Amino acid sequence: MRITQGCFSYLPDLTDEQITAQVDYCLSRGWAVGVEHTDDPHPRNTFWQMWGHPMFDLKDAKGVMIEREACRTANPGHYIRLNAFDSTRGFETVTMSFIVTRPQVEPKISMTRTEVDGRQIRYTHTVG
């Protein structure tokens, strides 16, 4: 089962050249880029582990690609995503986020929806 989160999630995996082009676009807009990873890609898990700090003064996409590779080496089997932050409004806003590395076998996540009293809906999920 393919996890679909963030920009480009319904496309085939991006090549290194395509990832570099997206990072170049982010840097040209003045956005900082950060690398995050997790082994729990559940959609409600919004807090992935940061790899280092967002790269605020970076001017070349090569630096992001080096950090991505270091994260991949240190965390085999994890999902890795890039986040672009726009700080022009005086606070950090995630402007773009996309997965750049996936494990060989992705976990299957299934959700069961149950309607309960008062028009409430409860969800239970299993990962396997």
C-alpha atoms as a PDB file:
ATOM      1  CA  MET A   1       0.000   0.000   0.000  1.00  0.00           C
ATOM      2  CA  ARG A   2       1.458   3.347  -1.007  1.00  0.00           C
ATOM      3  CA  ILE A   3       1.287   6.083   1.645  1.00  0.00           C
ATOM      4  CA  THR A   4      -0.021   9.300   0.079  1.00  0.00           C
ATOM      5  CA  GLN A   5       0.929  12.367   2.092  1.00  0.00           C
ATOM      6  CA  GLY A   6       2.092  15.772   0.945  1.00  0.00           C
ATOM      7  CA  CYS A   7       2.706  17.227  -2.491  1.00  0.00           C
ATOM      8  CA  PHE A   8       3.303  14.822  -5.380  1.00  0.00           C
ATOM      9  CA  SER A   9       2.032  11.845  -3.343  1.00  0.00           C
ATOM     10  CA  TYR A  10      -0.033  10.423  -6.190  1.00  0.00           C
ATOM     11  CA  LEU A  11       2.861  10.577  -8.645  1.00  0.00           C
ATOM     12  CA  PRO A  12       5.569   7.949  -9.028  1.00  0.00           C
ATOM     13  CA  ASP A  13       8.580   8.489  -6.756  1.00  0.00           C
ATOM     14  CA  LEU A  14      10.581  11.558  -7.755  1.00  0.00           C
ATOM     15  CA  THR A  15      14.081  11.065  -9.142  1.00  0.00           C
ATOM     16  CA  ASP A  16      17.051  12.825  -7.541  1.00  0.00           C
ATOM     17  CA  GLU A  17      16.982  15.339 -10.404  1.00  0.00           C
ATOM     18  CA  GLN A  18      13.287  16.064  -9.815  1.00  0.00           C
ATOM     19  CA  ILE A  19      13.829  16.432  -6.063  1.00  0.00           C
ATOM     20  CA  THR A  20      16.741  18.798  -6.730  1.00  0.00           C
ATOM     21  CA  ALA A  21      14.523  20.865  -9.053  1.00  0.00           C
ATOM     22  CA  GLN A  22      11.870  21.172  -6.322  1.00  0.00           C
ATOM     23  CA  VAL A  23      14.482  22.172  -3.733  1.00  0.00           C
ATOM     24  CA  ASP A  24      15.899  24.754  -6.173  1.00  0.00           C
ATOM     25  CA  TYR A  25      12.381  26.161  -6.553  1.00  0.00           C
ATOM     26  CA  CYS A  26      11.992  26.399  -2.758  1.00  0.00           C
ATOM     27  CA  LEU A  27      15.359  28.084  -2.337  1.00  0.00           C
ATOM     28  CA  SER A  28      14.593  30.553  -5.153  1.00  0.00           C
ATOM     29  CA  ARG A  29      11.510  31.637  -3.153  1.00  0.00           C
ATOM     30  CA  GLY A  30      13.617  32.167  -0.016  1.00  0.00           C
ATOM     31  CA  TRP A  31      12.134  29.201   1.821  1.00  0.00           C
ATOM     32  CA  ALA A  32      14.157  27.182   4.336  1.00  0.00           C
ATOM     33  CA  VAL A  33      14.216  23.423   3.789  1.00  0.00           C
ATOM     34  CA  GLY A  34      14.138  20.816   6.544  1.00  0.00           C
ATOM     35  CA  VAL A  35      14.505  17.030   6.498  1.00  0.00           C
ATOM     36  CA  GLU A  36      12.285  14.769   8.633  1.00  0.00           C
ATOM     37  CA  HIS A  37      11.913  10.994   9.001  1.00  0.00           C
ATOM     38  CA  THR A  38       9.608   8.443  10.636  1.00  0.00           C
ATOM     39  CA  ASP A  39       8.850   4.752  10.760  1.00  0.00           C
ATOM     40  CA  ASP A  40       5.181   5.537  11.583  1.00  0.00           C
ATOM     41  CA  PRO A  41       3.596   7.173   8.526  1.00  0.00           C
ATOM     42  CA  HIS A  42       0.038   7.126   9.890  1.00  0.00           C
ATOM     43  CA  PRO A  43      -1.787  10.274   8.681  1.00  0.00           C
ATOM     44  CA  ARG A  44      -2.428  11.374  12.269  1.00  0.00           C
ATOM     45  CA  ASN A  45       1.281  11.198  13.058  1.00  0.00           C
ATOM     46  CA  THR A  46       2.141  14.752  12.085  1.00  0.00           C
ATOM     47  CA  PHE A  47       5.248  14.944  14.265  1.00  0.00           C
ATOM     48  CA  TRP A  48       8.063  13.309  12.349  1.00  0.00           C
ATOM     49  CA  GLN A  49      11.622  13.291  13.742  1.00  0.00           C
ATOM     50  CA  MET A  50      13.675  16.244  12.514  1.00  0.00           C
ATOM     51  CA  TRP A  51      17.036  15.502  10.944  1.00  0.00           C
ATOM     52  CA  GLY A  52      19.187  18.408  12.071  1.00  0.00           C
ATOM     53  CA  HIS A  53      17.736  21.895  11.779  1.00  0.00           C
ATOM     54  CA  PRO A  54      15.929  23.561   8.873  1.00  0.00           C
ATOM     55  CA  MET A  55      18.521  25.019   6.520  1.00  0.00           C
ATOM     56  CA  PHE A  56      17.633  28.729   6.616  1.00  0.00           C
ATOM     57  CA  ASP A  57      20.646  30.192   4.868  1.00  0.00           C
ATOM     58  CA  LEU A  58      21.204  27.477   2.292  1.00  0.00           C
ATOM     59  CA  LYS A  59      21.657  28.614  -1.316  1.00  0.00           C
ATOM     60  CA  ASP A  60      22.339  25.297  -3.071  1.00  0.00           C
ATOM     61  CA  ALA A  61      20.119  22.213  -3.310  1.00  0.00           C
ATOM     62  CA  LYS A  62      23.194  19.987  -2.989  1.00  0.00           C
ATOM     63  CA  GLY A  63      23.227  20.639   0.775  1.00  0.00           C
ATOM     64  CA  VAL A  64      19.681  19.287   1.123  1.00  0.00           C
ATOM     65  CA  MET A  65      20.518  16.226  -0.954  1.00  0.00           C
ATOM     66  CA  ILE A  66      23.566  15.526   1.244  1.00  0.00           C
ATOM     67  CA  GLU A  67      21.419  15.757   4.396  1.00  0.00           C
ATOM     68  CA  ARG A  68      18.746  13.524   2.851  1.00  0.00           C
ATOM     69  CA  GLU A  69      21.350  10.872   2.061  1.00  0.00           C
ATOM     70  CA  ALA A  70      22.818  11.089   5.588  1.00  0.00           C
ATOM     71  CA  CYS A  71      19.322  10.666   7.048  1.00  0.00           C
ATOM     72  CA  ARG A  72      18.640   7.697   4.747  1.00  0.00           C
ATOM     73  CA  THR A  73      21.906   6.027   5.780  1.00  0.00           C
ATOM     74  CA  ALA A  74      21.237   6.549   9.498  1.00  0.00           C
ATOM     75  CA  ASN A  75      17.565   5.502   9.286  1.00  0.00           C
ATOM     76  CA  PRO A  76      17.159   2.671   6.786  1.00  0.00           C
ATOM     77  CA  GLY A  77      13.557   1.656   6.248  1.00  0.00           C
ATOM     78  CA  HIS A  78      12.154   5.030   7.308  1.00  0.00           C
ATOM     79  CA  TYR A  79      10.070   7.485   5.348  1.00  0.00           C
ATOM     80  CA  ILE A  80      11.912  10.730   4.691  1.00  0.00           C
ATOM     81  CA  ARG A  81      10.242  13.969   3.693  1.00  0.00           C
ATOM     82  CA  LEU A  82      11.350  17.479   2.882  1.00  0.00           C
ATOM     83  CA  ASN A  83       9.509  20.479   4.272  1.00  0.00           C
ATOM     84  CA  ALA A  84       9.872  24.011   2.936  1.00  0.00           C
ATOM     85  CA  PHE A  85       9.264  26.836   5.423  1.00  0.00           C
ATOM     86  CA  ASP A  86       8.243  30.362   4.480  1.00  0.00           C
ATOM     87  CA  SER A  87       9.150  32.893   7.181  1.00  0.00           C
ATOM     88  CA  THR A  88       8.216  36.066   5.281  1.00  0.00           C
ATOM     89  CA  ARG A  89       5.165  36.673   7.510  1.00  0.00           C
ATOM     90  CA  GLY A  90       7.256  36.641  10.683  1.00  0.00           C
ATOM     91  CA  PHE A  91       6.488  33.025  11.643  1.00  0.00           C
ATOM     92  CA  GLU A  92       7.310  29.644  10.187  1.00  0.00           C
ATOM     93  CA  THR A  93       4.725  28.253   7.795  1.00  0.00           C
ATOM     94  CA  VAL A  94       5.143  24.925   6.004  1.00  0.00           C
ATOM     95  CA  THR A  95       4.663  25.842   2.368  1.00  0.00           C
ATOM     96  CA  MET A  96       5.598  22.557   0.723  1.00  0.00           C
ATOM     97  CA  SER A  97       6.057  19.043   2.071  1.00  0.00           C
ATOM     98  CA  PHE A  98       6.751  15.847   0.153  1.00  0.00           C
ATOM     99  CA  ILE A  99       8.101  12.339   0.706  1.00  0.00           C
ATOM    100  CA  VAL A 100      11.512  11.739  -0.888  1.00  0.00           C
ATOM    101  CA  THR A 101      12.352   8.250   0.442  1.00  0.00           C
ATOM    102  CA  ARG A 102      10.145   5.249   1.189  1.00  0.00           C
ATOM    103  CA  PRO A 103      10.902   1.825   2.682  1.00  0.00           C
ATOM    104  CA  GLN A 104      10.990  -1.149   0.318  1.00  0.00           C
ATOM    105  CA  VAL A 105       7.772  -2.529   1.823  1.00  0.00           C
ATOM    106  CA  GLU A 106       5.203  -0.036   3.034  1.00  0.00           C
ATOM    107  CA  PRO A 107       2.894  -0.970   5.923  1.00  0.00           C
ATOM    108  CA  LYS A 108      -0.775  -1.484   5.265  1.00  0.00           C
ATOM    109  CA  ILE A 109      -2.978   0.915   7.230  1.00  0.00           C
ATOM    110  CA  SER A 110      -6.668   0.132   7.466  1.00  0.00           C
ATOM    111  CA  MET A 111      -9.283   2.322   9.114  1.00  0.00           C
ATOM    112  CA  THR A 112     -12.721   1.318  10.351  1.00  0.00           C
ATOM    113  CA  ARG A 113     -15.388   3.993  10.689  1.00  0.00           C
ATOM    114  CA  THR A 114     -18.092   3.530  13.336  1.00  0.00           C
ATOM    115  CA  GLU A 115     -21.056   5.843  13.837  1.00  0.00           C
ATOM    116  CA  VAL A 116     -22.034   6.258  17.487  1.00  0.00           C
ATOM    117  CA  ASP A 117     -24.557   8.296  19.508  1.00  0.00           C
ATOM    118  CA  GLY A 118     -25.191  11.922  18.601  1.00  0.00           C
ATOM    119  CA  ARG A 119     -23.910  11.712  15.027  1.00  0.00           C
ATOM    120  CA  GLN A 120     -20.383  11.140  16.283  1.00  0.00           C
ATOM    121  CA  ILE A 121     -17.941   9.126  14.263  1.00  0.00           C
ATOM    122  CA  ARG A 122     -15.127   7.058  15.713  1.00  0.00           C
ATOM    123  CA  TYR A 123     -12.219   5.626  13.783  1.00  0.00           C
ATOM    124  CA  THR A 124     -10.019   2.710  14.688  1.00  0.00           C
ATOM    125  CA  HIS A 125      -6.968   1.764  12.699  1.00  0.00           C
ATOM    126  CA  THR A 126      -4.615  -1.129  12.345  1.00  0.00           C
ATOM    127  CA  VAL A 127      -1.128  -1.117  10.890  1.00  0.00           C
ATOM    128  CA  GLY A 128       0.196  -4.337   9.500  1.00  0.00           C
END
